[in-house]
Amino acid sequence: MLTITGGGFDVTADKLIDELRQLYRVQSESMEVKEWTSGMPKFPPGRYRQISEFQQRDRRPGLYFCGDYLLGPFIEGAVTTALRAAESIRR
């Protein structure tokens, strides 16, 4: 699952998908478009410390986490952590 956000008068779902495909090799099985008139994701104070502590915890072998909540509240955080998890699985 992947969420893409963008803003501005000339931003469209098609433009966002095209840009995503330029940055990452992704194939979508299905897509749902939702539009909001306002909104800005942000982390509360102390969130990066929590993320650091979470990432240092011992885990079961074969258990991986990914999502924007682990790096930054934007698409880049979600994609980056997903790629890291996939690379860990391939090893």
PDB file of N, CA and C in Angstrom:
ATOM      1  N   MET A   1       0.844  -1.162   0.000  1.00  0.00           N
ATOM      2  CA  MET A   1       0.000   0.000   0.000  1.00  0.00           C
ATOM      3  C   MET A   1       0.894   1.230   0.000  1.00  0.00           C
ATOM      4  N   LEU A   2       0.514   2.202  -0.783  1.00  0.00           N
ATOM      5  CA  LEU A   2       1.326   3.399  -0.955  1.00  0.00           C
ATOM      6  C   LEU A   2       0.403   4.605  -1.027  1.00  0.00           C
ATOM      7  N   THR A   3       0.767   5.664  -0.341  1.00  0.00           N
ATOM      8  CA  THR A   3       0.009   6.906  -0.385  1.00  0.00           C
ATOM      9  C   THR A   3       0.910   8.004  -0.934  1.00  0.00           C
ATOM     10  N   ILE A   4       0.392   8.756  -1.877  1.00  0.00           N
ATOM     11  CA  ILE A   4       1.135   9.863  -2.474  1.00  0.00           C
ATOM     12  C   ILE A   4       0.377  11.143  -2.155  1.00  0.00           C
ATOM     13  N   THR A   5       1.090  12.151  -1.699  1.00  0.00           N
ATOM     14  CA  THR A   5       0.446  13.431  -1.428  1.00  0.00           C
ATOM     15  C   THR A   5       1.125  14.527  -2.226  1.00  0.00           C
ATOM     16  N   GLY A   6       0.357  15.513  -2.593  1.00  0.00           N
ATOM     17  CA  GLY A   6       0.890  16.655  -3.314  1.00  0.00           C
ATOM     18  C   GLY A   6      -0.077  17.795  -3.197  1.00  0.00           C
ATOM     19  N   GLY A   7       0.376  18.976  -3.498  1.00  0.00           N
ATOM     20  CA  GLY A   7      -0.502  20.124  -3.395  1.00  0.00           C
ATOM     21  C   GLY A   7      -0.189  21.158  -4.443  1.00  0.00           C
ATOM     22  N   GLY A   8      -1.127  22.022  -4.666  1.00  0.00           N
ATOM     23  CA  GLY A   8      -0.967  23.086  -5.645  1.00  0.00           C
ATOM     24  C   GLY A   8      -2.111  23.063  -6.648  1.00  0.00           C
ATOM     25  N   PHE A   9      -2.257  24.146  -7.363  1.00  0.00           N
ATOM     26  CA  PHE A   9      -3.380  24.270  -8.287  1.00  0.00           C
ATOM     27  C   PHE A   9      -3.251  23.352  -9.498  1.00  0.00           C
ATOM     28  N   ASP A  10      -2.040  23.046  -9.927  1.00  0.00           N
ATOM     29  CA  ASP A  10      -1.876  22.230 -11.132  1.00  0.00           C
ATOM     30  C   ASP A  10      -1.508  20.774 -10.831  1.00  0.00           C
ATOM     31  N   VAL A  11      -1.611  20.337  -9.582  1.00  0.00           N
ATOM     32  CA  VAL A  11      -1.294  18.963  -9.212  1.00  0.00           C
ATOM     33  C   VAL A  11      -2.497  18.073  -9.523  1.00  0.00           C
ATOM     34  N   THR A  12      -2.218  16.964 -10.210  1.00  0.00           N
ATOM     35  CA  THR A  12      -3.262  15.977 -10.486  1.00  0.00           C
ATOM     36  C   THR A  12      -2.760  14.603 -10.063  1.00  0.00           C
ATOM     37  N   ALA A  13      -3.671  13.680  -9.915  1.00  0.00           N
ATOM     38  CA  ALA A  13      -3.288  12.305  -9.577  1.00  0.00           C
ATOM     39  C   ALA A  13      -2.374  11.734 -10.649  1.00  0.00           C
ATOM     40  N   ASP A  14      -2.681  11.979 -11.910  1.00  0.00           N
ATOM     41  CA  ASP A  14      -1.844  11.465 -13.005  1.00  0.00           C
ATOM     42  C   ASP A  14      -0.427  12.015 -12.934  1.00  0.00           C
ATOM     43  N   LYS A  15      -0.286  13.297 -12.640  1.00  0.00           N
ATOM     44  CA  LYS A  15       1.060  13.886 -12.527  1.00  0.00           C
ATOM     45  C   LYS A  15       1.831  13.275 -11.359  1.00  0.00           C
ATOM     46  N   LEU A  16       1.159  13.055 -10.236  1.00  0.00           N
ATOM     47  CA  LEU A  16       1.829  12.451  -9.085  1.00  0.00           C
ATOM     48  C   LEU A  16       2.276  11.027  -9.389  1.00  0.00           C
ATOM     49  N   ILE A  17       1.441  10.245 -10.042  1.00  0.00           N
ATOM     50  CA  ILE A  17       1.792   8.863 -10.406  1.00  0.00           C
ATOM     51  C   ILE A  17       2.955   8.863 -11.402  1.00  0.00           C
ATOM     52  N   ASP A  18       2.917   9.749 -12.389  1.00  0.00           N
ATOM     53  CA  ASP A  18       4.016   9.833 -13.358  1.00  0.00           C
ATOM     54  C   ASP A  18       5.341  10.155 -12.665  1.00  0.00           C
ATOM     55  N   GLU A  19       5.302  11.083 -11.721  1.00  0.00           N
ATOM     56  CA  GLU A  19       6.526  11.448 -10.998  1.00  0.00           C
ATOM     57  C   GLU A  19       7.021  10.288 -10.142  1.00  0.00           C
ATOM     58  N   LEU A  20       6.100   9.598  -9.477  1.00  0.00           N
ATOM     59  CA  LEU A  20       6.484   8.429  -8.683  1.00  0.00           C
ATOM     60  C   LEU A  20       7.184   7.394  -9.562  1.00  0.00           C
ATOM     61  N   ARG A  21       6.636   7.138 -10.734  1.00  0.00           N
ATOM     62  CA  ARG A  21       7.226   6.135 -11.642  1.00  0.00           C
ATOM     63  C   ARG A  21       8.582   6.575 -12.184  1.00  0.00           C
ATOM     64  N   GLN A  22       8.831   7.877 -12.240  1.00  0.00           N
ATOM     65  CA  GLN A  22      10.148   8.364 -12.648  1.00  0.00           C
ATOM     66  C   GLN A  22      11.184   8.107 -11.551  1.00  0.00           C
ATOM     67  N   LEU A  23      10.743   8.186 -10.291  1.00  0.00           N
ATOM     68  CA  LEU A  23      11.650   8.018  -9.165  1.00  0.00           C
ATOM     69  C   LEU A  23      11.852   6.560  -8.772  1.00  0.00           C
ATOM     70  N   TYR A  24      10.787   5.748  -8.882  1.00  0.00           N
ATOM     71  CA  TYR A  24      10.830   4.362  -8.420  1.00  0.00           C
ATOM     72  C   TYR A  24      10.158   3.463  -9.454  1.00  0.00           C
ATOM     73  N   ARG A  25      10.679   2.258  -9.579  1.00  0.00           N
ATOM     74  CA  ARG A  25      10.065   1.282 -10.480  1.00  0.00           C
ATOM     75  C   ARG A  25       8.928   0.587  -9.730  1.00  0.00           C
ATOM     76  N   VAL A  26       7.723   1.042  -9.935  1.00  0.00           N
ATOM     77  CA  VAL A  26       6.566   0.465  -9.260  1.00  0.00           C
ATOM     78  C   VAL A  26       5.492   0.125 -10.283  1.00  0.00           C
ATOM     79  N   GLN A  27       4.769  -0.921 -10.013  1.00  0.00           N
ATOM     80  CA  GLN A  27       3.614  -1.309 -10.813  1.00  0.00           C
ATOM     81  C   GLN A  27       2.416  -1.351  -9.883  1.00  0.00           C
ATOM     82  N   SER A  28       1.331  -0.724 -10.266  1.00  0.00           N
ATOM     83  CA  SER A  28       0.157  -0.716  -9.399  1.00  0.00           C
ATOM     84  C   SER A  28      -0.839  -1.777  -9.854  1.00  0.00           C
ATOM     85  N   GLU A  29      -1.382  -2.477  -8.870  1.00  0.00           N
ATOM     86  CA  GLU A  29      -2.432  -3.445  -9.158  1.00  0.00           C
ATOM     87  C   GLU A  29      -3.784  -2.763  -9.161  1.00  0.00           C
ATOM     88  N   SER A  30      -3.953  -1.784  -8.301  1.00  0.00           N
ATOM     89  CA  SER A  30      -5.182  -1.000  -8.261  1.00  0.00           C
ATOM     90  C   SER A  30      -4.851   0.370  -7.690  1.00  0.00           C
ATOM     91  N   MET A  31      -5.746   1.303  -7.909  1.00  0.00           N
ATOM     92  CA  MET A  31      -5.484   2.658  -7.455  1.00  0.00           C
ATOM     93  C   MET A  31      -6.807   3.304  -7.044  1.00  0.00           C
ATOM     94  N   GLU A  32      -6.745   4.085  -5.980  1.00  0.00           N
ATOM     95  CA  GLU A  32      -7.892   4.857  -5.521  1.00  0.00           C
ATOM     96  C   GLU A  32      -7.421   6.285  -5.298  1.00  0.00           C
ATOM     97  N   VAL A  33      -8.114   7.236  -5.850  1.00  0.00           N
ATOM     98  CA  VAL A  33      -7.744   8.644  -5.724  1.00  0.00           C
ATOM     99  C   VAL A  33      -8.720   9.325  -4.770  1.00  0.00           C
ATOM    100  N   LYS A  34      -8.160  10.022  -3.786  1.00  0.00           N
ATOM    101  CA  LYS A  34      -8.951  10.831  -2.864  1.00  0.00           C
ATOM    102  C   LYS A  34      -8.352  12.224  -2.855  1.00  0.00           C
ATOM    103  N   GLU A  35      -9.187  13.208  -2.885  1.00  0.00           N
ATOM    104  CA  GLU A  35      -8.709  14.589  -2.865  1.00  0.00           C
ATOM    105  C   GLU A  35      -9.220  15.306  -1.623  1.00  0.00           C
ATOM    106  N   TRP A  36      -8.314  16.030  -0.959  1.00  0.00           N
ATOM    107  CA  TRP A  36      -8.656  16.865   0.186  1.00  0.00           C
ATOM    108  C   TRP A  36      -8.287  18.292  -0.159  1.00  0.00           C
ATOM    109  N   THR A  37      -8.993  19.232   0.389  1.00  0.00           N
ATOM    110  CA  THR A  37      -8.701  20.634   0.094  1.00  0.00           C
ATOM    111  C   THR A  37      -7.581  21.187   0.965  1.00  0.00           C
ATOM    112  N   SER A  38      -7.281  20.502   2.081  1.00  0.00           N
ATOM    113  CA  SER A  38      -6.191  20.993   2.927  1.00  0.00           C
ATOM    114  C   SER A  38      -5.611  19.837   3.726  1.00  0.00           C
ATOM    115  N   GLY A  39      -4.420  20.057   4.229  1.00  0.00           N
ATOM    116  CA  GLY A  39      -3.772  19.058   5.067  1.00  0.00           C
ATOM    117  C   GLY A  39      -2.267  19.076   4.886  1.00  0.00           C
ATOM    118  N   MET A  40      -1.563  18.796   5.959  1.00  0.00           N
ATOM    119  CA  MET A  40      -0.102  18.747   5.927  1.00  0.00           C
ATOM    120  C   MET A  40       0.352  17.754   6.970  1.00  0.00           C
ATOM    121  N   PRO A  41       0.983  16.649   6.564  1.00  0.00           N
ATOM    122  CA  PRO A  41       1.439  15.694   7.569  1.00  0.00           C
ATOM    123  C   PRO A  41       2.605  16.254   8.373  1.00  0.00           C
ATOM    124  N   LYS A  42       2.646  15.903   9.637  1.00  0.00           N
ATOM    125  CA  LYS A  42       3.774  16.329  10.471  1.00  0.00           C
ATOM    126  C   LYS A  42       3.892  15.389  11.658  1.00  0.00           C
ATOM    127  N   PHE A  43       5.101  15.272  12.170  1.00  0.00           N
ATOM    128  CA  PHE A  43       5.357  14.473  13.355  1.00  0.00           C
ATOM    129  C   PHE A  43       5.296  15.370  14.586  1.00  0.00           C
ATOM    130  N   PRO A  44       4.779  14.861  15.680  1.00  0.00           N
ATOM    131  CA  PRO A  44       4.798  15.642  16.921  1.00  0.00           C
ATOM    132  C   PRO A  44       6.206  15.667  17.521  1.00  0.00           C
ATOM    133  N   PRO A  45       6.484  16.592  18.433  1.00  0.00           N
ATOM    134  CA  PRO A  45       7.799  16.632  19.090  1.00  0.00           C
ATOM    135  C   PRO A  45       8.120  15.288  19.744  1.00  0.00           C
ATOM    136  N   GLY A  46       9.359  14.855  19.594  1.00  0.00           N
ATOM    137  CA  GLY A  46       9.803  13.597  20.187  1.00  0.00           C
ATOM    138  C   GLY A  46       9.626  12.386  19.302  1.00  0.00           C
ATOM    139  N   ARG A  47       8.985  12.546  18.136  1.00  0.00           N
ATOM    140  CA  ARG A  47       8.704  11.387  17.284  1.00  0.00           C
ATOM    141  C   ARG A  47       9.986  10.753  16.739  1.00  0.00           C
ATOM    142  N   TYR A  48      10.968  11.522  16.354  1.00  0.00           N
ATOM    143  CA  TYR A  48      12.200  10.946  15.799  1.00  0.00           C
ATOM    144  C   TYR A  48      12.965  10.152  16.863  1.00  0.00           C
ATOM    145  N   ARG A  49      12.892  10.583  18.116  1.00  0.00           N
ATOM    146  CA  ARG A  49      13.500   9.798  19.195  1.00  0.00           C
ATOM    147  C   ARG A  49      12.788   8.454  19.327  1.00  0.00           C
ATOM    148  N   GLN A  50      11.464   8.468  19.252  1.00  0.00           N
ATOM    149  CA  GLN A  50      10.698   7.225  19.317  1.00  0.00           C
ATOM    150  C   GLN A  50      11.050   6.289  18.160  1.00  0.00           C
ATOM    151  N   ILE A  51      11.205   6.846  16.980  1.00  0.00           N
ATOM    152  CA  ILE A  51      11.565   6.043  15.811  1.00  0.00           C
ATOM    153  C   ILE A  51      12.925   5.396  16.029  1.00  0.00           C
ATOM    154  N   SER A  52      13.888   6.165  16.506  1.00  0.00           N
ATOM    155  CA  SER A  52      15.229   5.640  16.759  1.00  0.00           C
ATOM    156  C   SER A  52      15.190   4.496  17.766  1.00  0.00           C
ATOM    157  N   GLU A  53      14.435   4.679  18.829  1.00  0.00           N
ATOM    158  CA  GLU A  53      14.308   3.618  19.841  1.00  0.00           C
ATOM    159  C   GLU A  53      13.632   2.382  19.264  1.00  0.00           C
ATOM    160  N   PHE A  54      12.622   2.573  18.448  1.00  0.00           N
ATOM    161  CA  PHE A  54      11.918   1.459  17.826  1.00  0.00           C
ATOM    162  C   PHE A  54      12.852   0.668  16.911  1.00  0.00           C
ATOM    163  N   GLN A  55      13.659   1.368  16.128  1.00  0.00           N
ATOM    164  CA  GLN A  55      14.553   0.709  15.182  1.00  0.00           C
ATOM    165  C   GLN A  55      15.676  -0.061  15.882  1.00  0.00           C
ATOM    166  N   GLN A  56      16.010   0.302  17.111  1.00  0.00           N
ATOM    167  CA  GLN A  56      17.086  -0.372  17.834  1.00  0.00           C
ATOM    168  C   GLN A  56      16.607  -1.590  18.619  1.00  0.00           C
ATOM    169  N   ARG A  57      15.321  -1.828  18.666  1.00  0.00           N
ATOM    170  CA  ARG A  57      14.784  -2.965  19.417  1.00  0.00           C
ATOM    171  C   ARG A  57      15.154  -4.288  18.745  1.00  0.00           C
ATOM    172  N   ASP A  58      15.309  -5.330  19.559  1.00  0.00           N
ATOM    173  CA  ASP A  58      15.522  -6.670  19.021  1.00  0.00           C
ATOM    174  C   ASP A  58      14.235  -7.149  18.359  1.00  0.00           C
ATOM    175  N   ARG A  59      14.393  -7.871  17.255  1.00  0.00           N
ATOM    176  CA  ARG A  59      13.251  -8.371  16.507  1.00  0.00           C
ATOM    177  C   ARG A  59      13.393  -9.857  16.219  1.00  0.00           C
ATOM    178  N   ARG A  60      12.283 -10.463  15.970  1.00  0.00           N
ATOM    179  CA  ARG A  60      12.301 -11.848  15.487  1.00  0.00           C
ATOM    180  C   ARG A  60      12.946 -11.879  14.112  1.00  0.00           C
ATOM    181  N   PRO A  61      13.720 -12.898  13.821  1.00  0.00           N
ATOM    182  CA  PRO A  61      14.264 -13.019  12.465  1.00  0.00           C
ATOM    183  C   PRO A  61      13.120 -13.082  11.449  1.00  0.00           C
ATOM    184  N   GLY A  62      13.261 -12.354  10.365  1.00  0.00           N
ATOM    185  CA  GLY A  62      12.263 -12.358   9.305  1.00  0.00           C
ATOM    186  C   GLY A  62      11.130 -11.365   9.489  1.00  0.00           C
ATOM    187  N   LEU A  63      11.154 -10.562  10.550  1.00  0.00           N
ATOM    188  CA  LEU A  63      10.113  -9.570  10.786  1.00  0.00           C
ATOM    189  C   LEU A  63      10.652  -8.199  10.381  1.00  0.00           C
ATOM    190  N   TYR A  64       9.976  -7.564   9.434  1.00  0.00           N
ATOM    191  CA  TYR A  64      10.426  -6.275   8.907  1.00  0.00           C
ATOM    192  C   TYR A  64       9.282  -5.272   8.969  1.00  0.00           C
ATOM    193  N   PHE A  65       9.624  -4.011   9.123  1.00  0.00           N
ATOM    194  CA  PHE A  65       8.640  -2.942   9.183  1.00  0.00           C
ATOM    195  C   PHE A  65       8.970  -1.902   8.118  1.00  0.00           C
ATOM    196  N   CYS A  66       7.935  -1.294   7.572  1.00  0.00           N
ATOM    197  CA  CYS A  66       8.139  -0.189   6.640  1.00  0.00           C
ATOM    198  C   CYS A  66       6.924   0.732   6.710  1.00  0.00           C
ATOM    199  N   GLY A  67       7.132   1.956   6.282  1.00  0.00           N
ATOM    200  CA  GLY A  67       6.054   2.938   6.260  1.00  0.00           C
ATOM    201  C   GLY A  67       6.581   4.320   6.574  1.00  0.00           C
ATOM    202  N   ASP A  68       5.805   5.318   6.208  1.00  0.00           N
ATOM    203  CA  ASP A  68       6.268   6.683   6.425  1.00  0.00           C
ATOM    204  C   ASP A  68       6.452   7.006   7.902  1.00  0.00           C
ATOM    205  N   TYR A  69       5.767   6.274   8.772  1.00  0.00           N
ATOM    206  CA  TYR A  69       5.888   6.515  10.212  1.00  0.00           C
ATOM    207  C   TYR A  69       7.266   6.161  10.755  1.00  0.00           C
ATOM    208  N   LEU A  70       8.109   5.512   9.946  1.00  0.00           N
ATOM    209  CA  LEU A  70       9.447   5.114  10.384  1.00  0.00           C
ATOM    210  C   LEU A  70      10.560   6.041   9.892  1.00  0.00           C
ATOM    211  N   LEU A  71      10.233   7.023   9.070  1.00  0.00           N
ATOM    212  CA  LEU A  71      11.293   7.885   8.535  1.00  0.00           C
ATOM    213  C   LEU A  71      10.849   9.340   8.449  1.00  0.00           C
ATOM    214  N   GLY A  72       9.740   9.600   7.848  1.00  0.00           N
ATOM    215  CA  GLY A  72       9.207  10.949   7.713  1.00  0.00           C
ATOM    216  C   GLY A  72       7.807  10.843   7.152  1.00  0.00           C
ATOM    217  N   PRO A  73       6.923  11.754   7.501  1.00  0.00           N
ATOM    218  CA  PRO A  73       5.523  11.613   7.125  1.00  0.00           C
ATOM    219  C   PRO A  73       5.226  12.008   5.675  1.00  0.00           C
ATOM    220  N   PHE A  74       6.003  11.497   4.765  1.00  0.00           N
ATOM    221  CA  PHE A  74       5.827  11.789   3.343  1.00  0.00           C
ATOM    222  C   PHE A  74       6.072  10.525   2.528  1.00  0.00           C
ATOM    223  N   ILE A  75       5.754  10.569   1.265  1.00  0.00           N
ATOM    224  CA  ILE A  75       5.904   9.405   0.377  1.00  0.00           C
ATOM    225  C   ILE A  75       7.341   8.897   0.364  1.00  0.00           C
ATOM    226  N   GLU A  76       8.300   9.789   0.425  1.00  0.00           N
ATOM    227  CA  GLU A  76       9.702   9.363   0.396  1.00  0.00           C
ATOM    228  C   GLU A  76      10.033   8.468   1.585  1.00  0.00           C
ATOM    229  N   GLY A  77       9.463   8.764   2.744  1.00  0.00           N
ATOM    230  CA  GLY A  77       9.691   7.926   3.921  1.00  0.00           C
ATOM    231  C   GLY A  77       9.112   6.543   3.748  1.00  0.00           C
ATOM    232  N   ALA A  78       7.925   6.465   3.170  1.00  0.00           N
ATOM    233  CA  ALA A  78       7.277   5.172   2.952  1.00  0.00           C
ATOM    234  C   ALA A  78       8.046   4.342   1.935  1.00  0.00           C
ATOM    235  N   VAL A  79       8.394   4.945   0.819  1.00  0.00           N
ATOM    236  CA  VAL A  79       9.095   4.208  -0.245  1.00  0.00           C
ATOM    237  C   VAL A  79      10.485   3.788   0.217  1.00  0.00           C
ATOM    238  N   THR A  80      11.215   4.677   0.873  1.00  0.00           N
ATOM    239  CA  THR A  80      12.567   4.355   1.332  1.00  0.00           C
ATOM    240  C   THR A  80      12.557   3.187   2.311  1.00  0.00           C
ATOM    241  N   THR A  81      11.650   3.209   3.274  1.00  0.00           N
ATOM    242  CA  THR A  81      11.619   2.114   4.247  1.00  0.00           C
ATOM    243  C   THR A  81      11.131   0.817   3.613  1.00  0.00           C
ATOM    244  N   ALA A  82      10.252   0.899   2.623  1.00  0.00           N
ATOM    245  CA  ALA A  82       9.806  -0.311   1.915  1.00  0.00           C
ATOM    246  C   ALA A  82      10.958  -0.925   1.131  1.00  0.00           C
ATOM    247  N   LEU A  83      11.752  -0.085   0.489  1.00  0.00           N
ATOM    248  CA  LEU A  83      12.910  -0.596  -0.253  1.00  0.00           C
ATOM    249  C   LEU A  83      13.934  -1.218   0.688  1.00  0.00           C
ATOM    250  N   ARG A  84      14.143  -0.616   1.848  1.00  0.00           N
ATOM    251  CA  ARG A  84      15.060  -1.188   2.843  1.00  0.00           C
ATOM    252  C   ARG A  84      14.563  -2.547   3.329  1.00  0.00           C
ATOM    253  N   ALA A  85      13.267  -2.648   3.595  1.00  0.00           N
ATOM    254  CA  ALA A  85      12.705  -3.928   4.048  1.00  0.00           C
ATOM    255  C   ALA A  85      12.839  -4.981   2.954  1.00  0.00           C
ATOM    256  N   ALA A  86      12.559  -4.611   1.726  1.00  0.00           N
ATOM    257  CA  ALA A  86      12.676  -5.566   0.623  1.00  0.00           C
ATOM    258  C   ALA A  86      14.116  -6.027   0.450  1.00  0.00           C
ATOM    259  N   GLU A  87      15.054  -5.115   0.567  1.00  0.00           N
ATOM    260  CA  GLU A  87      16.472  -5.486   0.451  1.00  0.00           C
ATOM    261  C   GLU A  87      16.879  -6.417   1.581  1.00  0.00           C
ATOM    262  N   SER A  88      16.389  -6.181   2.782  1.00  0.00           N
ATOM    263  CA  SER A  88      16.696  -7.062   3.912  1.00  0.00           C
ATOM    264  C   SER A  88      16.155  -8.468   3.685  1.00  0.00           C
ATOM    265  N   ILE A  89      14.974  -8.552   3.084  1.00  0.00           N
ATOM    266  CA  ILE A  89      14.371  -9.864   2.800  1.00  0.00           C
ATOM    267  C   ILE A  89      15.184 -10.610   1.760  1.00  0.00           C
ATOM    268  N   ARG A  90      15.711  -9.893   0.768  1.00  0.00           N
ATOM    269  CA  ARG A  90      16.484 -10.529  -0.307  1.00  0.00           C
ATOM    270  C   ARG A  90      17.803 -11.105   0.176  1.00  0.00           C
ATOM    271  N   ARG A  91      18.329 -10.626   1.301  1.00  0.00           N
ATOM    272  CA  ARG A  91      19.637 -11.076   1.785  1.00  0.00           C
ATOM    273  C   ARG A  91      19.578 -12.467   2.315  1.00  0.00           C
TER     274      ARG A  91
END
